[in-house]
Amino acid sequence: MEPYIRQAKYYETDQMGIIHHSNYIRWMEEARIDVLDQLGYPYRRFEEMGYMSPVLHAECDYKKSVRFGDEVKIIVSLQDFGKVKFTLRYDMYNMTEGGVLSASGTTTHCFLKKDGRPVMMNKEMKKFSETMEKLLGE
């Protein structure tokens, strides 16, 4: 998978001129959507199938500040994949500052049917599960 590349925007900064901590979580979401697109599973496809994928847990460790205009490379990897939930890891590198690790985080997700019932991915989303299992093995 290709890394997700983005440029830090001015509106994402705080009064100190650095990217506000909440934006890293947004960047993780952007990167997750990009990875799903790369895998051939755009998020809209899941919605059309009647599934939602809520965030069950999110965390981020902040290492080094990112500033307006900095180019950030986000590498997404699959950390865990089960029958009902999966966890992605995000490593965010500031390419403007020589590729220094600026933040790392994880998000855990599941899929729900529109009525709120959990989806057994290995049974109801077999091809997606196989794709994710291959990623886990890499």
Protein backbone atom coordinates (compact mmCIF):
# COMPACT_ATOMS: atom_id res chain seq x y z
CA MET A 1 0.00 0.00 0.00
CA GLU A 2 1.10 3.50 -0.75
CA PRO A 3 1.49 5.93 2.17
CA TYR A 4 -1.02 8.73 2.51
CA ILE A 5 0.60 12.14 1.95
CA ARG A 6 -0.93 15.45 3.03
CA GLN A 7 0.12 19.00 3.72
CA ALA A 8 -0.68 20.56 7.09
CA LYS A 9 -3.22 23.35 6.65
CA TYR A 10 -3.21 26.74 8.34
CA TYR A 11 -6.68 26.26 9.82
CA GLU A 12 -5.41 23.14 11.61
CA THR A 13 -2.98 25.14 13.77
CA ASP A 14 -3.48 26.37 17.31
CA GLN A 15 -2.38 29.64 18.93
CA MET A 16 1.18 28.32 19.19
CA GLY A 17 1.33 27.86 15.41
CA ILE A 18 1.48 24.07 15.56
CA ILE A 19 -1.09 21.53 14.42
CA HIS A 20 -3.75 21.09 17.08
CA HIS A 21 -3.70 17.58 18.58
CA SER A 22 -7.26 16.78 17.47
CA ASN A 23 -6.28 16.99 13.82
CA TYR A 24 -4.05 13.92 14.03
CA ILE A 25 -7.16 11.81 14.64
CA ARG A 26 -8.74 13.36 11.53
CA TRP A 27 -5.58 12.57 9.56
CA MET A 28 -5.81 8.96 10.71
CA GLU A 29 -9.36 8.82 9.34
CA GLU A 30 -8.25 10.32 6.03
CA ALA A 31 -5.46 7.74 5.79
CA ARG A 32 -7.84 4.88 6.68
CA ILE A 33 -10.27 5.89 3.92
CA ASP A 34 -7.35 6.15 1.48
CA VAL A 35 -6.09 2.66 2.38
CA LEU A 36 -9.55 1.16 1.94
CA ASP A 37 -9.72 2.83 -1.49
CA GLN A 38 -6.33 1.35 -2.39
CA LEU A 39 -7.55 -2.10 -1.35
CA GLY A 40 -10.60 -1.76 -3.62
CA TYR A 41 -13.05 -1.20 -0.77
CA PRO A 42 -14.12 2.44 -0.84
CA TYR A 43 -16.08 3.30 2.29
CA ARG A 44 -19.15 4.17 0.23
CA ARG A 45 -19.22 0.54 -0.94
CA PHE A 46 -19.70 -0.62 2.66
CA GLU A 47 -22.51 1.89 3.14
CA GLU A 48 -24.19 0.66 -0.05
CA MET A 49 -23.96 -2.87 1.36
CA GLY A 50 -25.81 -1.63 4.46
CA TYR A 51 -22.80 -1.57 6.80
CA MET A 52 -21.38 1.12 9.07
CA SER A 53 -17.93 1.04 10.62
CA PRO A 54 -17.79 2.93 13.90
CA VAL A 55 -14.60 3.72 15.74
CA LEU A 56 -14.49 1.65 18.93
CA HIS A 57 -11.20 3.05 20.20
CA ALA A 58 -8.71 5.71 19.09
CA GLU A 59 -5.43 6.78 20.59
CA CYS A 60 -2.50 8.88 19.49
CA ASP A 61 1.00 9.41 20.89
CA TYR A 62 2.44 12.79 19.99
CA LYS A 63 6.20 12.85 19.46
CA LYS A 64 7.20 16.03 17.59
CA SER A 65 5.12 19.01 16.48
CA VAL A 66 3.96 19.55 12.93
CA ARG A 67 3.53 23.11 11.64
CA PHE A 68 1.53 24.77 8.91
CA GLY A 69 2.82 23.81 5.47
CA ASP A 70 4.72 20.71 6.60
CA GLU A 71 4.30 17.62 4.45
CA VAL A 72 3.18 14.59 6.43
CA LYS A 73 3.45 10.99 5.29
CA ILE A 74 1.14 8.53 7.04
CA ILE A 75 1.89 4.82 6.86
CA VAL A 76 -1.08 2.63 7.75
CA SER A 77 -0.66 -0.98 8.79
CA LEU A 78 -3.07 -3.63 9.97
CA GLN A 79 -2.26 -4.45 13.58
CA ASP A 80 -5.01 -6.97 14.34
CA PHE A 81 -7.93 -8.56 12.48
CA GLY A 82 -10.59 -10.70 14.10
CA LYS A 83 -14.06 -11.96 13.29
CA VAL A 84 -15.78 -8.80 14.52
CA LYS A 85 -13.19 -6.05 14.90
CA PHE A 86 -9.87 -4.87 13.53
CA THR A 87 -7.15 -2.43 14.55
CA LEU A 88 -5.09 -0.17 12.30
CA ARG A 89 -1.82 1.52 13.20
CA TYR A 90 -0.78 4.91 11.85
CA ASP A 91 2.78 6.23 11.82
CA MET A 92 2.92 9.92 10.87
CA TYR A 93 6.21 11.30 9.59
CA ASN A 94 7.05 14.97 9.04
CA MET A 95 8.80 14.91 5.67
CA THR A 96 9.58 18.63 5.85
CA GLU A 97 11.63 17.92 8.96
CA GLY A 98 13.58 15.06 7.38
CA GLY A 99 11.08 12.26 7.96
CA VAL A 100 10.97 12.46 11.75
CA LEU A 101 8.21 10.44 13.43
CA SER A 102 5.72 13.07 14.62
CA ALA A 103 2.93 10.87 15.94
CA SER A 104 1.71 7.29 16.01
CA GLY A 105 -1.71 5.98 16.83
CA THR A 106 -4.26 3.23 16.46
CA THR A 107 -7.96 2.96 15.76
CA THR A 108 -10.14 -0.08 16.35
CA HIS A 109 -13.28 -0.65 14.28
CA CYS A 110 -16.06 -3.09 13.67
CA PHE A 111 -18.85 -3.27 11.12
CA LEU A 112 -22.48 -2.95 12.10
CA LYS A 113 -25.66 -3.56 10.16
CA LYS A 114 -28.07 -0.65 9.95
CA ASP A 115 -30.04 -2.15 12.85
CA GLY A 116 -26.91 -1.99 15.02
CA ARG A 117 -26.09 -5.68 15.03
CA PRO A 118 -22.40 -6.59 14.61
CA VAL A 119 -21.22 -8.13 11.36
CA MET A 120 -19.23 -11.36 11.46
CA MET A 121 -16.69 -10.28 8.85
CA ASN A 122 -15.35 -13.78 8.17
CA LYS A 123 -18.86 -14.93 7.19
CA GLU A 124 -20.68 -11.89 5.81
CA MET A 125 -17.69 -10.08 4.28
CA LYS A 126 -15.59 -13.04 3.18
CA LYS A 127 -13.59 -11.34 0.38
CA PHE A 128 -12.83 -8.32 2.56
CA SER A 129 -11.73 -10.65 5.37
CA GLU A 130 -9.44 -12.54 3.00
CA THR A 131 -7.89 -9.26 1.80
CA MET A 132 -7.30 -8.11 5.36
CA GLU A 133 -5.87 -11.48 6.43
CA LYS A 134 -3.33 -11.24 3.60
CA LEU A 135 -2.33 -7.78 4.85
CA LEU A 136 -1.88 -9.10 8.36
CA GLY A 137 0.50 -11.74 7.05
CA GLU A 138 2.75 -9.17 5.32
